[in-house]
Structures are given as structure tokens and as C-alpha cells.
PDB file of N, CA and C in Angstrom:
ATOM      1  N   MET A   1      38.037  85.537 161.890  1.00  0.00           N
ATOM      2  CA  MET A   1      36.643  85.193 161.716  1.00  0.00           C
ATOM      3  C   MET A   1      35.989  85.150 163.100  1.00  0.00           C
ATOM      4  N   PRO A   2      34.823  85.781 163.266  1.00  0.00           N
ATOM      5  CA  PRO A   2      34.153  85.775 164.574  1.00  0.00           C
ATOM      6  C   PRO A   2      33.645  84.378 164.930  1.00  0.00           C
ATOM      7  N   VAL A   3      33.642  84.074 166.207  1.00  0.00           N
ATOM      8  CA  VAL A   3      33.162  82.785 166.705  1.00  0.00           C
ATOM      9  C   VAL A   3      31.644  82.869 166.861  1.00  0.00           C
ATOM     10  N   LEU A   4      30.949  81.823 166.437  1.00  0.00           N
ATOM     11  CA  LEU A   4      29.494  81.786 166.588  1.00  0.00           C
ATOM     12  C   LEU A   4      29.130  81.508 168.040  1.00  0.00           C
ATOM     13  N   SER A   5      28.037  82.080 168.469  1.00  0.00           N
ATOM     14  CA  SER A   5      27.552  81.819 169.822  1.00  0.00           C
ATOM     15  C   SER A   5      27.021  80.384 169.896  1.00  0.00           C
ATOM     16  N   ASN A   6      26.930  79.850 171.117  1.00  0.00           N
ATOM     17  CA  ASN A   6      26.385  78.497 171.289  1.00  0.00           C
ATOM     18  C   ASN A   6      24.966  78.408 170.773  1.00  0.00           C
ATOM     19  N   ALA A   7      24.168  79.455 170.970  1.00  0.00           N
ATOM     20  CA  ALA A   7      22.781  79.451 170.498  1.00  0.00           C
ATOM     21  C   ALA A   7      22.728  79.307 168.981  1.00  0.00           C
ATOM     22  N   LYS A   8      23.606  80.009 168.274  1.00  0.00           N
ATOM     23  CA  LYS A   8      23.638  79.918 166.811  1.00  0.00           C
ATOM     24  C   LYS A   8      24.142  78.543 166.363  1.00  0.00           C
ATOM     25  N   LYS A   9      25.164  78.016 167.039  1.00  0.00           N
ATOM     26  CA  LYS A   9      25.667  76.677 166.695  1.00  0.00           C
ATOM     27  C   LYS A   9      24.585  75.629 166.884  1.00  0.00           C
ATOM     28  N   GLU A  10      23.836  75.733 167.985  1.00  0.00           N
ATOM     29  CA  GLU A  10      22.752  74.784 168.248  1.00  0.00           C
ATOM     30  C   GLU A  10      21.649  74.916 167.199  1.00  0.00           C
ATOM     31  N   ALA A  11      21.342  76.139 166.795  1.00  0.00           N
ATOM     32  CA  ALA A  11      20.322  76.351 165.754  1.00  0.00           C
ATOM     33  C   ALA A  11      20.760  75.728 164.439  1.00  0.00           C
ATOM     34  N   ILE A  12      22.032  75.886 164.095  1.00  0.00           N
ATOM     35  CA  ILE A  12      22.556  75.287 162.861  1.00  0.00           C
ATOM     36  C   ILE A  12      22.465  73.770 162.937  1.00  0.00           C
ATOM     37  N   ASP A  13      22.813  73.189 164.091  1.00  0.00           N
ATOM     38  CA  ASP A  13      22.739  71.738 164.267  1.00  0.00           C
ATOM     39  C   ASP A  13      21.314  71.217 164.111  1.00  0.00           C
ATOM     40  N   ARG A  14      20.321  72.022 164.521  1.00  0.00           N
ATOM     41  CA  ARG A  14      18.923  71.601 164.427  1.00  0.00           C
ATOM     42  C   ARG A  14      18.375  71.654 163.001  1.00  0.00           C
ATOM     43  N   ILE A  15      19.030  72.357 162.113  1.00  0.00           N
ATOM     44  CA  ILE A  15      18.539  72.466 160.733  1.00  0.00           C
ATOM     45  C   ILE A  15      18.445  71.083 160.092  1.00  0.00           C
ATOM     46  N   GLY A  16      19.365  70.208 160.417  1.00  0.00           N
ATOM     47  CA  GLY A  16      19.284  68.845 159.921  1.00  0.00           C
ATOM     48  C   GLY A  16      20.143  68.546 158.711  1.00  0.00           C
ATOM     49  N   PHE A  17      20.942  69.490 158.299  1.00  0.00           N
ATOM     50  CA  PHE A  17      21.843  69.242 157.186  1.00  0.00           C
ATOM     51  C   PHE A  17      23.020  68.423 157.682  1.00  0.00           C
ATOM     52  N   GLY A  18      23.478  67.524 156.867  1.00  0.00           N
ATOM     53  CA  GLY A  18      24.631  66.725 157.235  1.00  0.00           C
ATOM     54  C   GLY A  18      25.922  67.365 156.746  1.00  0.00           C
ATOM     55  N   LEU A  19      27.000  66.757 157.129  1.00  0.00           N
ATOM     56  CA  LEU A  19      28.316  67.230 156.737  1.00  0.00           C
ATOM     57  C   LEU A  19      28.790  66.461 155.508  1.00  0.00           C
ATOM     58  N   MET A  20      29.273  67.177 154.505  1.00  0.00           N
ATOM     59  CA  MET A  20      29.822  66.554 153.300  1.00  0.00           C
ATOM     60  C   MET A  20      31.093  67.289 152.929  1.00  0.00           C
ATOM     61  N   ASP A  21      32.196  66.567 152.902  1.00  0.00           N
ATOM     62  CA  ASP A  21      33.465  67.153 152.491  1.00  0.00           C
ATOM     63  C   ASP A  21      33.889  66.600 151.147  1.00  0.00           C
ATOM     64  N   LYS A  22      34.688  67.417 150.459  1.00  0.00           N
ATOM     65  CA  LYS A  22      35.104  67.081 149.096  1.00  0.00           C
ATOM     66  C   LYS A  22      36.621  67.070 148.988  1.00  0.00           C
ATOM     67  N   LEU A  23      37.090  66.250 148.084  1.00  0.00           N
ATOM     68  CA  LEU A  23      38.511  66.209 147.766  1.00  0.00           C
ATOM     69  C   LEU A  23      38.636  66.242 146.252  1.00  0.00           C
ATOM     70  N   TRP A  24      39.237  67.327 145.745  1.00  0.00           N
ATOM     71  CA  TRP A  24      39.504  67.452 144.311  1.00  0.00           C
ATOM     72  C   TRP A  24      40.904  66.900 144.078  1.00  0.00           C
ATOM     73  N   ILE A  25      41.026  65.937 143.186  1.00  0.00           N
ATOM     74  CA  ILE A  25      42.335  65.349 142.906  1.00  0.00           C
ATOM     75  C   ILE A  25      42.615  65.441 141.407  1.00  0.00           C
ATOM     76  N   GLU A  26      43.768  66.021 141.072  1.00  0.00           N
ATOM     77  CA  GLU A  26      44.187  66.107 139.674  1.00  0.00           C
ATOM     78  C   GLU A  26      45.258  65.053 139.418  1.00  0.00           C
ATOM     79  N   PHE A  27      45.171  64.423 138.260  1.00  0.00           N
ATOM     80  CA  PHE A  27      46.101  63.363 137.874  1.00  0.00           C
ATOM     81  C   PHE A  27      46.832  63.758 136.592  1.00  0.00           C
ATOM     82  N   PRO A  28      47.966  63.098 136.319  1.00  0.00           N
ATOM     83  CA  PRO A  28      48.705  63.424 135.094  1.00  0.00           C
ATOM     84  C   PRO A  28      47.926  63.042 133.833  1.00  0.00           C
ATOM     85  N   SER A  29      47.049  62.050 133.965  1.00  0.00           N
ATOM     86  CA  SER A  29      46.231  61.618 132.823  1.00  0.00           C
ATOM     87  C   SER A  29      45.022  60.850 133.348  1.00  0.00           C
ATOM     88  N   VAL A  30      44.083  60.611 132.481  1.00  0.00           N
ATOM     89  CA  VAL A  30      42.875  59.867 132.838  1.00  0.00           C
ATOM     90  C   VAL A  30      43.209  58.378 132.912  1.00  0.00           C
ATOM     91  N   PHE A  31      42.780  57.750 133.993  1.00  0.00           N
ATOM     92  CA  PHE A  31      42.952  56.298 134.137  1.00  0.00           C
ATOM     93  C   PHE A  31      41.604  55.610 134.308  1.00  0.00           C
ATOM     94  N   TRP A  32      40.533  56.382 134.394  1.00  0.00           N
ATOM     95  CA  TRP A  32      39.195  55.828 134.580  1.00  0.00           C
ATOM     96  C   TRP A  32      38.470  55.732 133.234  1.00  0.00           C
ATOM     97  N   THR A  33      39.158  55.203 132.241  1.00  0.00           N
ATOM     98  CA  THR A  33      38.644  55.170 130.867  1.00  0.00           C
ATOM     99  C   THR A  33      37.325  54.415 130.740  1.00  0.00           C
ATOM    100  N   ASP A  34      37.107  53.371 131.531  1.00  0.00           N
ATOM    101  CA  ASP A  34      35.839  52.631 131.453  1.00  0.00           C
ATOM    102  C   ASP A  34      34.661  53.467 131.935  1.00  0.00           C
ATOM    103  N   ASP A  35      34.926  54.479 132.730  1.00  0.00           N
ATOM    104  CA  ASP A  35      33.872  55.327 133.286  1.00  0.00           C
ATOM    105  C   ASP A  35      33.921  56.752 132.756  1.00  0.00           C
ATOM    106  N   LEU A  36      34.640  56.965 131.682  1.00  0.00           N
ATOM    107  CA  LEU A  36      34.860  58.310 131.167  1.00  0.00           C
ATOM    108  C   LEU A  36      33.575  59.036 130.792  1.00  0.00           C
ATOM    109  N   GLU A  37      32.583  58.329 130.338  1.00  0.00           N
ATOM    110  CA  GLU A  37      31.322  58.959 129.935  1.00  0.00           C
ATOM    111  C   GLU A  37      30.352  59.137 131.097  1.00  0.00           C
ATOM    112  N   ASN A  38      30.664  58.568 132.246  1.00  0.00           N
ATOM    113  CA  ASN A  38      29.789  58.689 133.421  1.00  0.00           C
ATOM    114  C   ASN A  38      30.067  59.991 134.165  1.00  0.00           C
ATOM    115  N   ASP A  39      29.000  60.620 134.650  1.00  0.00           N
ATOM    116  CA  ASP A  39      29.171  61.785 135.517  1.00  0.00           C
ATOM    117  C   ASP A  39      29.709  61.347 136.877  1.00  0.00           C
ATOM    118  N   TRP A  40      29.147  60.262 137.399  1.00  0.00           N
ATOM    119  CA  TRP A  40      29.446  59.798 138.747  1.00  0.00           C
ATOM    120  C   TRP A  40      30.049  58.403 138.722  1.00  0.00           C
ATOM    121  N   ILE A  41      31.016  58.199 139.590  1.00  0.00           N
ATOM    122  CA  ILE A  41      31.610  56.886 139.817  1.00  0.00           C
ATOM    123  C   ILE A  41      31.226  56.517 141.246  1.00  0.00           C
ATOM    124  N   LEU A  42      30.446  55.477 141.394  1.00  0.00           N
ATOM    125  CA  LEU A  42      29.929  55.106 142.707  1.00  0.00           C
ATOM    126  C   LEU A  42      30.801  54.030 143.340  1.00  0.00           C
ATOM    127  N   TYR A  43      30.902  54.078 144.669  1.00  0.00           N
ATOM    128  CA  TYR A  43      31.714  53.134 145.405  1.00  0.00           C
ATOM    129  C   TYR A  43      30.991  52.792 146.698  1.00  0.00           C
ATOM    130  N   ILE A  44      30.913  51.524 147.008  1.00  0.00           N
ATOM    131  CA  ILE A  44      30.302  51.092 148.262  1.00  0.00           C
ATOM    132  C   ILE A  44      31.420  50.668 149.195  1.00  0.00           C
ATOM    133  N   SER A  45      31.627  51.462 150.210  1.00  0.00           N
ATOM    134  CA  SER A  45      32.698  51.222 151.168  1.00  0.00           C
ATOM    135  C   SER A  45      32.216  50.340 152.303  1.00  0.00           C
ATOM    136  N   ASP A  46      33.148  49.648 152.930  1.00  0.00           N
ATOM    137  CA  ASP A  46      32.825  48.910 154.152  1.00  0.00           C
ATOM    138  C   ASP A  46      32.541  49.877 155.299  1.00  0.00           C
ATOM    139  N   ASN A  47      32.978  51.112 155.148  1.00  0.00           N
ATOM    140  CA  ASN A  47      32.790  52.160 156.138  1.00  0.00           C
ATOM    141  C   ASN A  47      31.769  53.155 155.585  1.00  0.00           C
ATOM    142  N   PRO A  48      30.487  53.062 155.970  1.00  0.00           N
ATOM    143  CA  PRO A  48      29.454  53.933 155.403  1.00  0.00           C
ATOM    144  C   PRO A  48      29.830  55.412 155.487  1.00  0.00           C
ATOM    145  N   GLY A  49      29.660  56.108 154.358  1.00  0.00           N
ATOM    146  CA  GLY A  49      29.951  57.524 154.282  1.00  0.00           C
ATOM    147  C   GLY A  49      31.336  57.842 153.756  1.00  0.00           C
ATOM    148  N   GLU A  50      32.175  56.818 153.594  1.00  0.00           N
ATOM    149  CA  GLU A  50      33.550  57.036 153.145  1.00  0.00           C
ATOM    150  C   GLU A  50      33.626  57.016 151.630  1.00  0.00           C
ATOM    151  N   TRP A  51      33.960  58.158 151.040  1.00  0.00           N
ATOM    152  CA  TRP A  51      34.140  58.314 149.597  1.00  0.00           C
ATOM    153  C   TRP A  51      32.977  57.665 148.838  1.00  0.00           C
ATOM    154  N   VAL A  52      31.775  58.063 149.196  1.00  0.00           N
ATOM    155  CA  VAL A  52      30.567  57.447 148.665  1.00  0.00           C
ATOM    156  C   VAL A  52      30.327  57.716 147.182  1.00  0.00           C
ATOM    157  N   GLU A  53      30.789  58.855 146.707  1.00  0.00           N
ATOM    158  CA  GLU A  53      30.604  59.208 145.300  1.00  0.00           C
ATOM    159  C   GLU A  53      31.843  59.923 144.795  1.00  0.00           C
ATOM    160  N   THR A  54      32.082  59.782 143.512  1.00  0.00           N
ATOM    161  CA  THR A  54      33.180  60.487 142.874  1.00  0.00           C
ATOM    162  C   THR A  54      32.659  61.117 141.597  1.00  0.00           C
ATOM    163  N   LEU A  55      32.875  62.404 141.444  1.00  0.00           N
ATOM    164  CA  LEU A  55      32.424  63.144 140.270  1.00  0.00           C
ATOM    165  C   LEU A  55      33.542  63.203 139.240  1.00  0.00           C
ATOM    166  N   ASN A  56      33.226  62.859 138.018  1.00  0.00           N
ATOM    167  CA  ASN A  56      34.170  62.850 136.909  1.00  0.00           C
ATOM    168  C   ASN A  56      34.224  64.251 136.279  1.00  0.00           C
ATOM    169  N   ILE A  57      35.175  65.060 136.713  1.00  0.00           N
ATOM    170  CA  ILE A  57      35.298  66.429 136.208  1.00  0.00           C
ATOM    171  C   ILE A  57      35.818  66.455 134.762  1.00  0.00           C
ATOM    172  N   LYS A  58      36.529  65.434 134.361  1.00  0.00           N
ATOM    173  CA  LYS A  58      37.055  65.350 132.987  1.00  0.00           C
ATOM    174  C   LYS A  58      35.934  65.568 131.975  1.00  0.00           C
ATOM    175  N   LYS A  59      34.797  65.040 132.278  1.00  0.00           N
ATOM    176  CA  LYS A  59      33.657  65.142 131.368  1.00  0.00           C
ATOM    177  C   LYS A  59      33.220  66.599 131.152  1.00  0.00           C
ATOM    178  N   PHE A  60      33.447  67.443 132.138  1.00  0.00           N
ATOM    179  CA  PHE A  60      32.956  68.814 132.070  1.00  0.00           C
ATOM    180  C   PHE A  60      34.035  69.850 131.750  1.00  0.00           C
ATOM    181  N   LEU A  61      35.239  69.637 132.256  1.00  0.00           N
ATOM    182  CA  LEU A  61      36.308  70.626 132.091  1.00  0.00           C
ATOM    183  C   LEU A  61      37.461  70.140 131.224  1.00  0.00           C
ATOM    184  N   ASP A  62      37.375  68.913 130.761  1.00  0.00           N
ATOM    185  CA  ASP A  62      38.425  68.310 129.947  1.00  0.00           C
ATOM    186  C   ASP A  62      39.789  68.330 130.648  1.00  0.00           C
ATOM    187  N   LYS A  63      39.762  68.092 131.973  1.00  0.00           N
ATOM    188  CA  LYS A  63      40.981  67.974 132.766  1.00  0.00           C
ATOM    189  C   LYS A  63      40.883  66.680 133.572  1.00  0.00           C
ATOM    190  N   PRO A  64      42.003  65.988 133.798  1.00  0.00           N
ATOM    191  CA  PRO A  64      41.965  64.720 134.534  1.00  0.00           C
ATOM    192  C   PRO A  64      41.801  64.944 136.040  1.00  0.00           C
ATOM    193  N   ILE A  65      40.585  65.346 136.423  1.00  0.00           N
ATOM    194  CA  ILE A  65      40.279  65.647 137.823  1.00  0.00           C
ATOM    195  C   ILE A  65      39.069  64.835 138.261  1.00  0.00           C
ATOM    196  N   LEU A  66      39.175  64.281 139.476  1.00  0.00           N
ATOM    197  CA  LEU A  66      38.047  63.623 140.128  1.00  0.00           C
ATOM    198  C   LEU A  66      37.754  64.397 141.411  1.00  0.00           C
ATOM    199  N   VAL A  67      36.468  64.485 141.768  1.00  0.00           N
ATOM    200  CA  VAL A  67      36.073  65.072 143.041  1.00  0.00           C
ATOM    201  C   VAL A  67      35.409  63.968 143.848  1.00  0.00           C
ATOM    202  N   MET A  68      36.018  63.653 144.992  1.00  0.00           N
ATOM    203  CA  MET A  68      35.521  62.574 145.849  1.00  0.00           C
ATOM    204  C   MET A  68      34.820  63.175 147.067  1.00  0.00           C
ATOM    205  N   PHE A  69      33.761  62.505 147.541  1.00  0.00           N
ATOM    206  CA  PHE A  69      32.945  63.005 148.641  1.00  0.00           C
ATOM    207  C   PHE A  69      32.921  62.010 149.798  1.00  0.00           C
ATOM    208  N   ASN A  70      32.985  62.535 151.013  1.00  0.00           N
ATOM    209  CA  ASN A  70      32.716  61.719 152.193  1.00  0.00           C
ATOM    210  C   ASN A  70      31.737  62.497 153.056  1.00  0.00           C
ATOM    211  N   VAL A  71      30.943  61.768 153.841  1.00  0.00           N
ATOM    212  CA  VAL A  71      29.829  62.413 154.542  1.00  0.00           C
ATOM    213  C   VAL A  71      29.739  61.973 155.997  1.00  0.00           C
ATOM    214  N   GLY A  72      28.976  62.763 156.743  1.00  0.00           N
ATOM    215  CA  GLY A  72      28.600  62.411 158.106  1.00  0.00           C
ATOM    216  C   GLY A  72      29.762  62.190 159.049  1.00  0.00           C
ATOM    217  N   ASP A  73      29.673  61.089 159.809  1.00  0.00           N
ATOM    218  CA  ASP A  73      30.692  60.787 160.812  1.00  0.00           C
ATOM    219  C   ASP A  73      32.069  60.596 160.189  1.00  0.00           C
ATOM    220  N   VAL A  74      32.116  60.058 158.967  1.00  0.00           N
ATOM    221  CA  VAL A  74      33.401  59.883 158.295  1.00  0.00           C
ATOM    222  C   VAL A  74      34.035  61.249 158.039  1.00  0.00           C
ATOM    223  N   ALA A  75      33.249  62.197 157.563  1.00  0.00           N
ATOM    224  CA  ALA A  75      33.773  63.538 157.314  1.00  0.00           C
ATOM    225  C   ALA A  75      34.274  64.167 158.612  1.00  0.00           C
ATOM    226  N   ARG A  76      33.565  63.930 159.705  1.00  0.00           N
ATOM    227  CA  ARG A  76      34.013  64.466 160.995  1.00  0.00           C
ATOM    228  C   ARG A  76      35.334  63.817 161.421  1.00  0.00           C
ATOM    229  N   THR A  77      35.455  62.518 161.212  1.00  0.00           N
ATOM    230  CA  THR A  77      36.694  61.805 161.548  1.00  0.00           C
ATOM    231  C   THR A  77      37.840  62.291 160.666  1.00  0.00           C
ATOM    232  N   PHE A  78      37.575  62.468 159.380  1.00  0.00           N
ATOM    233  CA  PHE A  78      38.603  62.906 158.438  1.00  0.00           C
ATOM    234  C   PHE A  78      39.052  64.343 158.705  1.00  0.00           C
ATOM    235  N   ALA A  79      38.224  65.123 159.378  1.00  0.00           N
ATOM    236  CA  ALA A  79      38.547  66.533 159.618  1.00  0.00           C
ATOM    237  C   ALA A  79      39.869  66.707 160.354  1.00  0.00           C
ATOM    238  N   ASP A  80      40.214  65.751 161.189  1.00  0.00           N
ATOM    239  CA  ASP A  80      41.445  65.846 161.972  1.00  0.00           C
ATOM    240  C   ASP A  80      42.643  65.192 161.295  1.00  0.00           C
ATOM    241  N   LYS A  81      42.430  64.604 160.133  1.00  0.00           N
ATOM    242  CA  LYS A  81      43.529  63.946 159.424  1.00  0.00           C
ATOM    243  C   LYS A  81      44.338  64.967 158.616  1.00  0.00           C
ATOM    244  N   THR A  82      45.587  64.635 158.392  1.00  0.00           N
ATOM    245  CA  THR A  82      46.441  65.499 157.577  1.00  0.00           C
ATOM    246  C   THR A  82      46.067  65.339 156.108  1.00  0.00           C
ATOM    247  N   ASP A  83      46.537  66.270 155.294  1.00  0.00           N
ATOM    248  CA  ASP A  83      46.309  66.167 153.855  1.00  0.00           C
ATOM    249  C   ASP A  83      46.854  64.847 153.323  1.00  0.00           C
ATOM    250  N   ASN A  84      48.048  64.466 153.760  1.00  0.00           N
ATOM    251  CA  ASN A  84      48.643  63.212 153.282  1.00  0.00           C
ATOM    252  C   ASN A  84      47.802  61.999 153.658  1.00  0.00           C
ATOM    253  N   GLU A  85      47.246  61.998 154.857  1.00  0.00           N
ATOM    254  CA  GLU A  85      46.393  60.882 155.286  1.00  0.00           C
ATOM    255  C   GLU A  85      45.121  60.813 154.435  1.00  0.00           C
ATOM    256  N   ILE A  86      44.553  61.972 154.113  1.00  0.00           N
ATOM    257  CA  ILE A  86      43.337  62.014 153.287  1.00  0.00           C
ATOM    258  C   ILE A  86      43.638  61.489 151.879  1.00  0.00           C
ATOM    259  N   ILE A  87      44.733  61.977 151.289  1.00  0.00           N
ATOM    260  CA  ILE A  87      45.106  61.522 149.946  1.00  0.00           C
ATOM    261  C   ILE A  87      45.371  60.020 149.953  1.00  0.00           C
ATOM    262  N   GLU A  88      46.089  59.542 150.946  1.00  0.00           N
ATOM    263  CA  GLU A  88      46.398  58.109 151.040  1.00  0.00           C
ATOM    264  C   GLU A  88      45.121  57.276 151.125  1.00  0.00           C
ATOM    265  N   ASN A  89      44.170  57.730 151.928  1.00  0.00           N
ATOM    266  CA  ASN A  89      42.907  57.020 152.069  1.00  0.00           C
ATOM    267  C   ASN A  89      42.115  57.035 150.769  1.00  0.00           C
ATOM    268  N   ALA A  90      42.043  58.198 150.126  1.00  0.00           N
ATOM    269  CA  ALA A  90      41.312  58.307 148.862  1.00  0.00           C
ATOM    270  C   ALA A  90      41.957  57.445 147.770  1.00  0.00           C
ATOM    271  N   MET A  91      43.290  57.455 147.721  1.00  0.00           N
ATOM    272  CA  MET A  91      43.982  56.661 146.702  1.00  0.00           C
ATOM    273  C   MET A  91      43.792  55.162 146.939  1.00  0.00           C
ATOM    274  N   LYS A  92      43.663  54.762 148.180  1.00  0.00           N
ATOM    275  CA  LYS A  92      43.382  53.349 148.481  1.00  0.00           C
ATOM    276  C   LYS A  92      42.049  52.942 147.849  1.00  0.00           C
ATOM    277  N   VAL A  93      41.059  53.812 147.975  1.00  0.00           N
ATOM    278  CA  VAL A  93      39.748  53.545 147.375  1.00  0.00           C
ATOM    279  C   VAL A  93      39.848  53.536 145.851  1.00  0.00           C
ATOM    280  N   LEU A  94      40.498  54.561 145.286  1.00  0.00           N
ATOM    281  CA  LEU A  94      40.619  54.623 143.824  1.00  0.00           C
ATOM    282  C   LEU A  94      41.372  53.409 143.275  1.00  0.00           C
ATOM    283  N   ARG A  95      42.389  52.977 143.990  1.00  0.00           N
ATOM    284  CA  ARG A  95      43.155  51.810 143.507  1.00  0.00           C
ATOM    285  C   ARG A  95      42.400  50.508 143.713  1.00  0.00           C
ATOM    286  N   ASN A  96      41.417  50.530 144.576  1.00  0.00           N
ATOM    287  CA  ASN A  96      40.529  49.371 144.691  1.00  0.00           C
ATOM    288  C   ASN A  96      39.653  49.268 143.444  1.00  0.00           C
ATOM    289  N   ILE A  97      39.248  50.410 142.917  1.00  0.00           N
ATOM    290  CA  ILE A  97      38.423  50.454 141.701  1.00  0.00           C
ATOM    291  C   ILE A  97      39.302  50.358 140.454  1.00  0.00           C
ATOM    292  N   TYR A  98      40.399  51.113 140.458  1.00  0.00           N
ATOM    293  CA  TYR A  98      41.318  51.218 139.308  1.00  0.00           C
ATOM    294  C   TYR A  98      42.740  50.900 139.798  1.00  0.00           C
ATOM    295  N   PRO A  99      43.152  49.646 139.745  1.00  0.00           N
ATOM    296  CA  PRO A  99      44.449  49.245 140.316  1.00  0.00           C
ATOM    297  C   PRO A  99      45.661  50.008 139.776  1.00  0.00           C
ATOM    298  N   THR A 100      45.578  50.555 138.576  1.00  0.00           N
ATOM    299  CA  THR A 100      46.740  51.247 137.997  1.00  0.00           C
ATOM    300  C   THR A 100      46.697  52.768 138.182  1.00  0.00           C
ATOM    301  N   ALA A 101      45.850  53.255 139.080  1.00  0.00           N
ATOM    302  CA  ALA A 101      45.739  54.702 139.297  1.00  0.00           C
ATOM    303  C   ALA A 101      47.096  55.283 139.695  1.00  0.00           C
ATOM    304  N   PRO A 102      47.546  56.343 138.996  1.00  0.00           N
ATOM    305  CA  PRO A 102      48.844  56.957 139.314  1.00  0.00           C
ATOM    306  C   PRO A 102      48.740  57.876 140.528  1.00  0.00           C
ATOM    307  N   GLU A 103      49.882  58.340 140.987  1.00  0.00           N
ATOM    308  CA  GLU A 103      49.901  59.323 142.064  1.00  0.00           C
ATOM    309  C   GLU A 103      49.314  60.640 141.553  1.00  0.00           C
ATOM    310  N   PRO A 104      48.568  61.341 142.382  1.00  0.00           N
ATOM    311  CA  PRO A 104      48.015  62.633 141.961  1.00  0.00           C
ATOM    312  C   PRO A 104      49.109  63.690 141.810  1.00  0.00           C
ATOM    313  N   ILE A 105      48.811  64.688 140.981  1.00  0.00           N
ATOM    314  CA  ILE A 105      49.758  65.796 140.807  1.00  0.00           C
ATOM    315  C   ILE A 105      49.284  67.060 141.537  1.00  0.00           C
ATOM    316  N   GLY A 106      48.075  67.026 142.049  1.00  0.00           N
ATOM    317  CA  GLY A 106      47.547  68.155 142.800  1.00  0.00           C
ATOM    318  C   GLY A 106      46.255  67.780 143.497  1.00  0.00           C
ATOM    319  N   PHE A 107      45.894  68.556 144.511  1.00  0.00           N
ATOM    320  CA  PHE A 107      44.640  68.302 145.214  1.00  0.00           C
ATOM    321  C   PHE A 107      44.196  69.564 145.951  1.00  0.00           C
ATOM    322  N   LYS A 108      42.934  69.571 146.337  1.00  0.00           N
ATOM    323  CA  LYS A 108      42.349  70.607 147.181  1.00  0.00           C
ATOM    324  C   LYS A 108      41.260  69.905 147.971  1.00  0.00           C
ATOM    325  N   ARG A 109      41.169  70.223 149.246  1.00  0.00           N
ATOM    326  CA  ARG A 109      40.131  69.569 150.055  1.00  0.00           C
ATOM    327  C   ARG A 109      39.310  70.599 150.815  1.00  0.00           C
ATOM    328  N   SER A 110      38.058  70.248 151.059  1.00  0.00           N
ATOM    329  CA  SER A 110      37.226  71.045 151.962  1.00  0.00           C
ATOM    330  C   SER A 110      37.254  70.366 153.322  1.00  0.00           C
ATOM    331  N   ASN A 111      37.003  71.141 154.353  1.00  0.00           N
ATOM    332  CA  ASN A 111      36.982  70.610 155.708  1.00  0.00           C
ATOM    333  C   ASN A 111      35.964  71.432 156.488  1.00  0.00           C
ATOM    334  N   TRP A 112      34.694  71.257 156.129  1.00  0.00           N
ATOM    335  CA  TRP A 112      33.635  72.140 156.615  1.00  0.00           C
ATOM    336  C   TRP A 112      33.481  72.136 158.112  1.00  0.00           C
ATOM    337  N   SER A 113      33.764  71.032 158.791  1.00  0.00           N
ATOM    338  CA  SER A 113      33.592  71.022 160.232  1.00  0.00           C
ATOM    339  C   SER A 113      34.652  71.845 160.945  1.00  0.00           C
ATOM    340  N   LYS A 114      35.748  72.160 160.234  1.00  0.00           N
ATOM    341  CA  LYS A 114      36.832  72.951 160.819  1.00  0.00           C
ATOM    342  C   LYS A 114      36.906  74.366 160.255  1.00  0.00           C
ATOM    343  N   GLU A 115      36.202  74.622 159.154  1.00  0.00           N
ATOM    344  CA  GLU A 115      36.297  75.931 158.487  1.00  0.00           C
ATOM    345  C   GLU A 115      35.097  76.788 158.836  1.00  0.00           C
TER     346      GLU A 115
END
């Protein structure tokens, strides 16, 4: 992939769009039964921007998948973390909301600041 020039990188930075990364997590079964009819599961973290929203994919694809989002400085910090560190952090949040959340069986993450 070609490297962008500094002028282009600076122009992109001036556009004003923030960074938002996603983590798709698949589970063996649904454990968020109280929120099954909700599109979004909201979470207020002590660390602003950390896993601020979670999309309930089960509602749309009938698969036990959640998509979690982190934004801004948190997404930049997470960019350097390993997949295991990201999953561990996300599961800590999910288990704060749903204490019986099982281990995921699959995942996919975006890392826009590095891709």
C-alpha cells in the first residue's frame, strides 16, 4: 500500500472526523437476554471513549454477535494492544454488565489508525 504524503495526512486530520474502532465478538449463545430486543447496549465507562456503545447483531442476523465500539484517544491507545489485550478489556466491560458472559468463540477487530 502506498504511503500518504504529509500534506495529505494533514488534510485528512483537518477534516475533523474522529477515530472509531470496532470489535465484533461471537459467542456460543446469547447471554444478553434482558437487552435482546434493543439495537444498542449503552455503557458509561470511567474512561471516556472506551466501549461506549455495543450493537446487538443477534437482532439483525440471528447470530450471537455483539459489535463493540471505542473512539478517539482510547481507540488510538488500543491500536497498539494485542488482540488478546483487546478481547480481555472488552470482556471486562461485558462482564461488568453481564457477569455470566462466556468466553467468545470468535472475533474480528478494526484498527483504523494502523490500517
